[in-house]
């Protein structure tokens, strides 16, 4: 009869002893800030296209201005 209370106390004491949770894993640092070759290779044609688009707009505006000036004469 005395073994049952001792077994219960032993079981309760074992349940109270929980191991510490493992430390949370840190996410890896982003690599994109250091290795920009691929990003630059993708961005270069886009920047070039934007520059060409701006030049074409400017030429179109100058042509419209020349046409308007010719019409007024």
Protein backbone atom coordinates (compact mmCIF):
# COMPACT_ATOMS: atom_id res chain seq x y z
CA UNK A 1 0.00 0.00 0.00
CA UNK A 2 2.84 2.40 0.66
CA UNK A 3 4.25 1.86 -2.81
CA UNK A 4 1.31 3.52 -4.54
CA UNK A 5 1.81 7.00 -2.94
CA UNK A 6 5.56 6.73 -3.49
CA UNK A 7 5.00 5.80 -7.13
CA UNK A 8 2.64 8.75 -7.55
CA UNK A 9 5.16 11.13 -5.98
CA UNK A 10 7.91 9.75 -8.19
CA UNK A 11 5.74 10.14 -11.28
CA UNK A 12 4.83 13.73 -10.38
CA UNK A 13 8.45 14.63 -9.72
CA UNK A 14 9.49 13.18 -13.08
CA UNK A 15 6.77 15.16 -14.86
CA UNK A 16 7.94 18.37 -13.23
CA UNK A 17 11.47 17.92 -14.57
CA UNK A 18 11.08 18.99 -18.17
CA UNK A 19 14.14 19.58 -20.28
CA UNK A 20 14.87 23.14 -21.31
CA UNK A 21 13.53 23.97 -24.77
CA UNK A 22 16.21 24.08 -27.46
CA UNK A 23 17.33 27.56 -28.49
CA UNK A 24 15.42 28.97 -31.41
CA UNK A 25 17.18 28.66 -34.70
CA UNK A 26 18.41 31.91 -36.21
CA UNK A 27 17.46 32.41 -39.85
CA UNK A 28 20.40 32.70 -42.22
CA UNK A 29 21.55 36.16 -43.16
CA UNK A 30 20.44 37.23 -46.64
CA UNK A 31 23.09 36.64 -49.27
CA UNK A 32 21.64 39.01 -51.86
CA UNK A 33 23.24 42.06 -50.28
CA UNK A 34 26.69 40.63 -50.92
CA UNK A 35 26.29 38.83 -54.24
CA UNK A 36 24.74 41.34 -56.63
CA UNK A 37 26.12 40.08 -59.94
CA UNK A 38 22.90 38.34 -60.94
CA UNK A 39 20.74 41.24 -59.85
CA UNK A 40 22.95 43.67 -61.78
CA UNK A 41 22.84 41.46 -64.87
CA UNK A 42 19.04 41.48 -64.75
CA UNK A 43 18.75 45.19 -63.98
CA UNK A 44 21.18 46.43 -66.68
CA UNK A 45 18.89 45.78 -69.69
CA UNK A 46 15.95 47.28 -67.83
CA UNK A 47 17.91 50.47 -67.12
CA UNK A 48 19.07 50.60 -70.74
CA UNK A 49 15.48 50.24 -71.99
CA UNK A 50 14.35 53.05 -69.69
CA UNK A 51 17.09 55.32 -71.06
CA UNK A 52 16.11 54.50 -74.66
CA UNK A 53 12.46 55.13 -73.85
CA UNK A 54 13.32 58.55 -72.41
CA UNK A 55 15.39 59.42 -75.49
CA UNK A 56 12.54 58.35 -77.80
CA UNK A 57 10.06 60.47 -75.82
CA UNK A 58 12.35 63.47 -76.03
CA UNK A 59 12.78 63.00 -79.81
CA UNK A 60 9.01 62.68 -80.25
CA UNK A 61 8.42 65.87 -78.25
CA UNK A 62 10.98 67.74 -80.37
CA UNK A 63 9.37 66.44 -83.57
CA UNK A 64 5.92 67.54 -82.39
CA UNK A 65 7.29 70.96 -81.56
CA UNK A 66 8.85 71.22 -85.03
CA UNK A 67 5.59 70.16 -86.69
CA UNK A 68 3.60 72.68 -84.63
CA UNK A 69 6.08 75.41 -85.55
CA UNK A 70 5.83 74.52 -89.25
CA UNK A 71 2.03 74.54 -89.12
CA UNK A 72 1.94 78.02 -87.60
CA UNK A 73 3.94 79.56 -90.43
